[in-house]
Amino acid sequence: MKISELIKILKKNGCCLYRHGSNHDIWKSDFTGKEFTVPRHSQTDVPAGTVNSILKSAGLK
């Protein structure tokens, strides 16, 4: 999955960008109250394990 697709899913489900890090963006889920990182400059697909971890932190899995 591409970063842009992942960000669309996060935005659609109530997550918002909390702040910018150096290599990652920190997002926050209103549903779980957790902060989690999303890689910013990846030119390739994000590994499936990373996507699952992000979605789990966001409360979407």
PDB file of N, CA and C in Angstrom:
ATOM      1  N   MET A   1       0.845  -1.166   0.000  1.00  0.00           N
ATOM      2  CA  MET A   1       0.000   0.000   0.000  1.00  0.00           C
ATOM      3  C   MET A   1       0.898   1.240   0.000  1.00  0.00           C
ATOM      4  N   LYS A   2       0.508   2.207  -0.766  1.00  0.00           N
ATOM      5  CA  LYS A   2       1.252   3.463  -0.841  1.00  0.00           C
ATOM      6  C   LYS A   2       0.898   4.343   0.361  1.00  0.00           C
ATOM      7  N   ILE A   3       1.806   5.262   0.679  1.00  0.00           N
ATOM      8  CA  ILE A   3       1.597   6.186   1.795  1.00  0.00           C
ATOM      9  C   ILE A   3       0.331   7.011   1.575  1.00  0.00           C
ATOM     10  N   SER A   4       0.127   7.478   0.351  1.00  0.00           N
ATOM     11  CA  SER A   4      -1.041   8.321   0.068  1.00  0.00           C
ATOM     12  C   SER A   4      -2.347   7.570   0.323  1.00  0.00           C
ATOM     13  N   GLU A   5      -2.398   6.280  -0.019  1.00  0.00           N
ATOM     14  CA  GLU A   5      -3.594   5.480   0.228  1.00  0.00           C
ATOM     15  C   GLU A   5      -3.831   5.307   1.721  1.00  0.00           C
ATOM     16  N   LEU A   6      -2.749   5.063   2.465  1.00  0.00           N
ATOM     17  CA  LEU A   6      -2.845   4.893   3.905  1.00  0.00           C
ATOM     18  C   LEU A   6      -3.331   6.177   4.573  1.00  0.00           C
ATOM     19  N   ILE A   7      -2.829   7.318   4.135  1.00  0.00           N
ATOM     20  CA  ILE A   7      -3.236   8.596   4.708  1.00  0.00           C
ATOM     21  C   ILE A   7      -4.715   8.869   4.430  1.00  0.00           C
ATOM     22  N   LYS A   8      -5.191   8.522   3.243  1.00  0.00           N
ATOM     23  CA  LYS A   8      -6.614   8.696   2.928  1.00  0.00           C
ATOM     24  C   LYS A   8      -7.478   7.876   3.871  1.00  0.00           C
ATOM     25  N   ILE A   9      -7.061   6.641   4.153  1.00  0.00           N
ATOM     26  CA  ILE A   9      -7.807   5.768   5.070  1.00  0.00           C
ATOM     27  C   ILE A   9      -7.818   6.379   6.472  1.00  0.00           C
ATOM     28  N   LEU A  10      -6.661   6.863   6.911  1.00  0.00           N
ATOM     29  CA  LEU A  10      -6.574   7.444   8.251  1.00  0.00           C
ATOM     30  C   LEU A  10      -7.459   8.680   8.378  1.00  0.00           C
ATOM     31  N   LYS A  11      -7.414   9.571   7.384  1.00  0.00           N
ATOM     32  CA  LYS A  11      -8.225  10.790   7.427  1.00  0.00           C
ATOM     33  C   LYS A  11      -9.711  10.472   7.412  1.00  0.00           C
ATOM     34  N   LYS A  12     -10.098   9.493   6.603  1.00  0.00           N
ATOM     35  CA  LYS A  12     -11.505   9.135   6.475  1.00  0.00           C
ATOM     36  C   LYS A  12     -12.062   8.573   7.784  1.00  0.00           C
ATOM     37  N   ASN A  13     -11.177   8.003   8.608  1.00  0.00           N
ATOM     38  CA  ASN A  13     -11.612   7.383   9.853  1.00  0.00           C
ATOM     39  C   ASN A  13     -11.293   8.212  11.093  1.00  0.00           C
ATOM     40  N   GLY A  14     -11.107   9.505  10.928  1.00  0.00           N
ATOM     41  CA  GLY A  14     -11.012  10.403  12.059  1.00  0.00           C
ATOM     42  C   GLY A  14      -9.632  10.594  12.664  1.00  0.00           C
ATOM     43  N   CYS A  15      -8.591  10.175  11.995  1.00  0.00           N
ATOM     44  CA  CYS A  15      -7.233  10.421  12.479  1.00  0.00           C
ATOM     45  C   CYS A  15      -6.745  11.751  11.909  1.00  0.00           C
ATOM     46  N   CYS A  16      -5.870  12.400  12.650  1.00  0.00           N
ATOM     47  CA  CYS A  16      -5.376  13.689  12.176  1.00  0.00           C
ATOM     48  C   CYS A  16      -3.871  13.779  12.395  1.00  0.00           C
ATOM     49  N   LEU A  17      -3.242  14.594  11.583  1.00  0.00           N
ATOM     50  CA  LEU A  17      -1.813  14.828  11.692  1.00  0.00           C
ATOM     51  C   LEU A  17      -1.561  15.624  12.957  1.00  0.00           C
ATOM     52  N   TYR A  18      -0.721  15.090  13.842  1.00  0.00           N
ATOM     53  CA  TYR A  18      -0.446  15.725  15.124  1.00  0.00           C
ATOM     54  C   TYR A  18       0.765  16.642  15.020  1.00  0.00           C
ATOM     55  N   ARG A  19       1.856  16.138  14.418  1.00  0.00           N
ATOM     56  CA  ARG A  19       3.046  16.959  14.204  1.00  0.00           C
ATOM     57  C   ARG A  19       3.964  16.262  13.211  1.00  0.00           C
ATOM     58  N   HIS A  20       4.936  17.009  12.707  1.00  0.00           N
ATOM     59  CA  HIS A  20       5.927  16.469  11.792  1.00  0.00           C
ATOM     60  C   HIS A  20       7.172  16.091  12.563  1.00  0.00           C
ATOM     61  N   GLY A  21       7.707  14.907  12.285  1.00  0.00           N
ATOM     62  CA  GLY A  21       9.004  14.508  12.799  1.00  0.00           C
ATOM     63  C   GLY A  21      10.022  14.702  11.690  1.00  0.00           C
ATOM     64  N   SER A  22      11.234  14.191  11.890  1.00  0.00           N
ATOM     65  CA  SER A  22      12.252  14.381  10.859  1.00  0.00           C
ATOM     66  C   SER A  22      12.015  13.463   9.660  1.00  0.00           C
ATOM     67  N   ASN A  23      11.735  12.200   9.895  1.00  0.00           N
ATOM     68  CA  ASN A  23      11.501  11.253   8.800  1.00  0.00           C
ATOM     69  C   ASN A  23      10.090  10.683   8.798  1.00  0.00           C
ATOM     70  N   HIS A  24       9.351  10.917   9.858  1.00  0.00           N
ATOM     71  CA  HIS A  24       8.002  10.381   9.987  1.00  0.00           C
ATOM     72  C   HIS A  24       7.064  11.494  10.414  1.00  0.00           C
ATOM     73  N   ASP A  25       5.796  11.318  10.089  1.00  0.00           N
ATOM     74  CA  ASP A  25       4.761  12.204  10.606  1.00  0.00           C
ATOM     75  C   ASP A  25       4.117  11.496  11.782  1.00  0.00           C
ATOM     76  N   ILE A  26       3.759  12.240  12.807  1.00  0.00           N
ATOM     77  CA  ILE A  26       3.097  11.676  13.964  1.00  0.00           C
ATOM     78  C   ILE A  26       1.618  11.999  13.834  1.00  0.00           C
ATOM     79  N   TRP A  27       0.814  10.956  13.839  1.00  0.00           N
ATOM     80  CA  TRP A  27      -0.633  11.071  13.710  1.00  0.00           C
ATOM     81  C   TRP A  27      -1.276  10.703  15.029  1.00  0.00           C
ATOM     82  N   LYS A  28      -2.498  11.169  15.235  1.00  0.00           N
ATOM     83  CA  LYS A  28      -3.233  10.854  16.454  1.00  0.00           C
ATOM     84  C   LYS A  28      -4.620  10.371  16.079  1.00  0.00           C
ATOM     85  N   SER A  29      -5.039   9.321  16.769  1.00  0.00           N
ATOM     86  CA  SER A  29      -6.368   8.770  16.554  1.00  0.00           C
ATOM     87  C   SER A  29      -7.311   9.306  17.613  1.00  0.00           C
ATOM     88  N   ASP A  30      -8.414   9.899  17.195  1.00  0.00           N
ATOM     89  CA  ASP A  30      -9.425  10.353  18.141  1.00  0.00           C
ATOM     90  C   ASP A  30     -10.142   9.170  18.786  1.00  0.00           C
ATOM     91  N   PHE A  31     -10.173   8.050  18.086  1.00  0.00           N
ATOM     92  CA  PHE A  31     -10.871   6.863  18.567  1.00  0.00           C
ATOM     93  C   PHE A  31     -10.120   6.210  19.725  1.00  0.00           C
ATOM     94  N   THR A  32      -8.806   6.022  19.579  1.00  0.00           N
ATOM     95  CA  THR A  32      -8.019   5.350  20.618  1.00  0.00           C
ATOM     96  C   THR A  32      -7.246   6.321  21.491  1.00  0.00           C
ATOM     97  N   GLY A  33      -7.021   7.535  21.023  1.00  0.00           N
ATOM     98  CA  GLY A  33      -6.229   8.498  21.762  1.00  0.00           C
ATOM     99  C   GLY A  33      -4.733   8.266  21.654  1.00  0.00           C
ATOM    100  N   LYS A  34      -4.327   7.306  20.817  1.00  0.00           N
ATOM    101  CA  LYS A  34      -2.918   6.967  20.665  1.00  0.00           C
ATOM    102  C   LYS A  34      -2.263   7.816  19.582  1.00  0.00           C
ATOM    103  N   GLU A  35      -0.969   8.044  19.769  1.00  0.00           N
ATOM    104  CA  GLU A  35      -0.152   8.661  18.735  1.00  0.00           C
ATOM    105  C   GLU A  35       0.653   7.557  18.061  1.00  0.00           C
ATOM    106  N   PHE A  36       0.819   7.679  16.746  1.00  0.00           N
ATOM    107  CA  PHE A  36       1.582   6.682  16.009  1.00  0.00           C
ATOM    108  C   PHE A  36       2.297   7.360  14.854  1.00  0.00           C
ATOM    109  N   THR A  37       3.361   6.721  14.391  1.00  0.00           N
ATOM    110  CA  THR A  37       4.167   7.309  13.325  1.00  0.00           C
ATOM    111  C   THR A  37       3.776   6.721  11.975  1.00  0.00           C
ATOM    112  N   VAL A  38       3.869   7.565  10.963  1.00  0.00           N
ATOM    113  CA  VAL A  38       3.642   7.159   9.577  1.00  0.00           C
ATOM    114  C   VAL A  38       4.844   7.659   8.777  1.00  0.00           C
ATOM    115  N   PRO A  39       5.536   6.761   8.062  1.00  0.00           N
ATOM    116  CA  PRO A  39       6.693   7.213   7.284  1.00  0.00           C
ATOM    117  C   PRO A  39       6.282   8.262   6.257  1.00  0.00           C
ATOM    118  N   ARG A  40       7.152   9.225   6.036  1.00  0.00           N
ATOM    119  CA  ARG A  40       6.794  10.339   5.152  1.00  0.00           C
ATOM    120  C   ARG A  40       7.407  10.218   3.768  1.00  0.00           C
ATOM    121  N   HIS A  41       8.647   9.789   3.654  1.00  0.00           N
ATOM    122  CA  HIS A  41       9.359   9.878   2.390  1.00  0.00           C
ATOM    123  C   HIS A  41       9.583   8.535   1.709  1.00  0.00           C
ATOM    124  N   SER A  42       8.697   7.601   1.914  1.00  0.00           N
ATOM    125  CA  SER A  42       8.854   6.289   1.298  1.00  0.00           C
ATOM    126  C   SER A  42       8.415   6.351  -0.169  1.00  0.00           C
ATOM    127  N   GLN A  43       9.295   5.975  -1.074  1.00  0.00           N
ATOM    128  CA  GLN A  43       8.982   5.987  -2.501  1.00  0.00           C
ATOM    129  C   GLN A  43       8.327   4.671  -2.946  1.00  0.00           C
ATOM    130  N   THR A  44       8.453   3.638  -2.133  1.00  0.00           N
ATOM    131  CA  THR A  44       7.893   2.338  -2.476  1.00  0.00           C
ATOM    132  C   THR A  44       6.686   2.063  -1.586  1.00  0.00           C
ATOM    133  N   ASP A  45       6.134   0.888  -1.758  1.00  0.00           N
ATOM    134  CA  ASP A  45       5.017   0.485  -0.922  1.00  0.00           C
ATOM    135  C   ASP A  45       5.466   0.299   0.516  1.00  0.00           C
ATOM    136  N   VAL A  46       4.581   0.603   1.436  1.00  0.00           N
ATOM    137  CA  VAL A  46       4.844   0.388   2.854  1.00  0.00           C
ATOM    138  C   VAL A  46       4.672  -1.105   3.127  1.00  0.00           C
ATOM    139  N   PRO A  47       5.592  -1.738   3.873  1.00  0.00           N
ATOM    140  CA  PRO A  47       5.453  -3.168   4.170  1.00  0.00           C
ATOM    141  C   PRO A  47       4.134  -3.470   4.879  1.00  0.00           C
ATOM    142  N   ALA A  48       3.606  -4.657   4.621  1.00  0.00           N
ATOM    143  CA  ALA A  48       2.302  -5.046   5.157  1.00  0.00           C
ATOM    144  C   ALA A  48       2.285  -5.022   6.684  1.00  0.00           C
ATOM    145  N   GLY A  49       3.366  -5.438   7.321  1.00  0.00           N
ATOM    146  CA  GLY A  49       3.426  -5.433   8.779  1.00  0.00           C
ATOM    147  C   GLY A  49       3.341  -4.027   9.347  1.00  0.00           C
ATOM    148  N   THR A  50       3.961  -3.075   8.665  1.00  0.00           N
ATOM    149  CA  THR A  50       3.916  -1.678   9.103  1.00  0.00           C
ATOM    150  C   THR A  50       2.508  -1.123   8.944  1.00  0.00           C
ATOM    151  N   VAL A  51       1.865  -1.432   7.844  1.00  0.00           N
ATOM    152  CA  VAL A  51       0.483  -0.980   7.616  1.00  0.00           C
ATOM    153  C   VAL A  51      -0.426  -1.546   8.695  1.00  0.00           C
ATOM    154  N   ASN A  52      -0.284  -2.833   8.987  1.00  0.00           N
ATOM    155  CA  ASN A  52      -1.126  -3.456  10.016  1.00  0.00           C
ATOM    156  C   ASN A  52      -0.901  -2.816  11.378  1.00  0.00           C
ATOM    157  N   SER A  53       0.339  -2.522  11.711  1.00  0.00           N
ATOM    158  CA  SER A  53       0.664  -1.885  12.988  1.00  0.00           C
ATOM    159  C   SER A  53       0.041  -0.498  13.079  1.00  0.00           C
ATOM    160  N   ILE A  54       0.131   0.273  12.005  1.00  0.00           N
ATOM    161  CA  ILE A  54      -0.445   1.625  11.980  1.00  0.00           C
ATOM    162  C   ILE A  54      -1.966   1.551  12.130  1.00  0.00           C
ATOM    163  N   LEU A  55      -2.598   0.658  11.383  1.00  0.00           N
ATOM    164  CA  LEU A  55      -4.042   0.530  11.453  1.00  0.00           C
ATOM    165  C   LEU A  55      -4.497   0.044  12.822  1.00  0.00           C
ATOM    166  N   LYS A  56      -3.717  -0.823  13.458  1.00  0.00           N
ATOM    167  CA  LYS A  56      -4.033  -1.300  14.794  1.00  0.00           C
ATOM    168  C   LYS A  56      -3.928  -0.173  15.811  1.00  0.00           C
ATOM    169  N   SER A  57      -2.880   0.651  15.696  1.00  0.00           N
ATOM    170  CA  SER A  57      -2.721   1.793  16.599  1.00  0.00           C
ATOM    171  C   SER A  57      -3.834   2.811  16.416  1.00  0.00           C
ATOM    172  N   ALA A  58      -4.330   2.930  15.197  1.00  0.00           N
ATOM    173  CA  ALA A  58      -5.403   3.870  14.905  1.00  0.00           C
ATOM    174  C   ALA A  58      -6.782   3.325  15.303  1.00  0.00           C
ATOM    175  N   GLY A  59      -6.840   2.065  15.704  1.00  0.00           N
ATOM    176  CA  GLY A  59      -8.105   1.464  16.101  1.00  0.00           C
ATOM    177  C   GLY A  59      -8.947   0.999  14.945  1.00  0.00           C
ATOM    178  N   LEU A  60      -8.312   0.767  13.808  1.00  0.00           N
ATOM    179  CA  LEU A  60      -9.049   0.355  12.616  1.00  0.00           C
ATOM    180  C   LEU A  60      -8.947  -1.134  12.340  1.00  0.00           C
ATOM    181  N   LYS A  61      -8.206  -1.849  13.160  1.00  0.00           N
ATOM    182  CA  LYS A  61      -8.073  -3.303  13.005  1.00  0.00           C
ATOM    183  C   LYS A  61      -8.212  -3.977  14.316  1.00  0.00           C
TER     184      LYS A  61
END
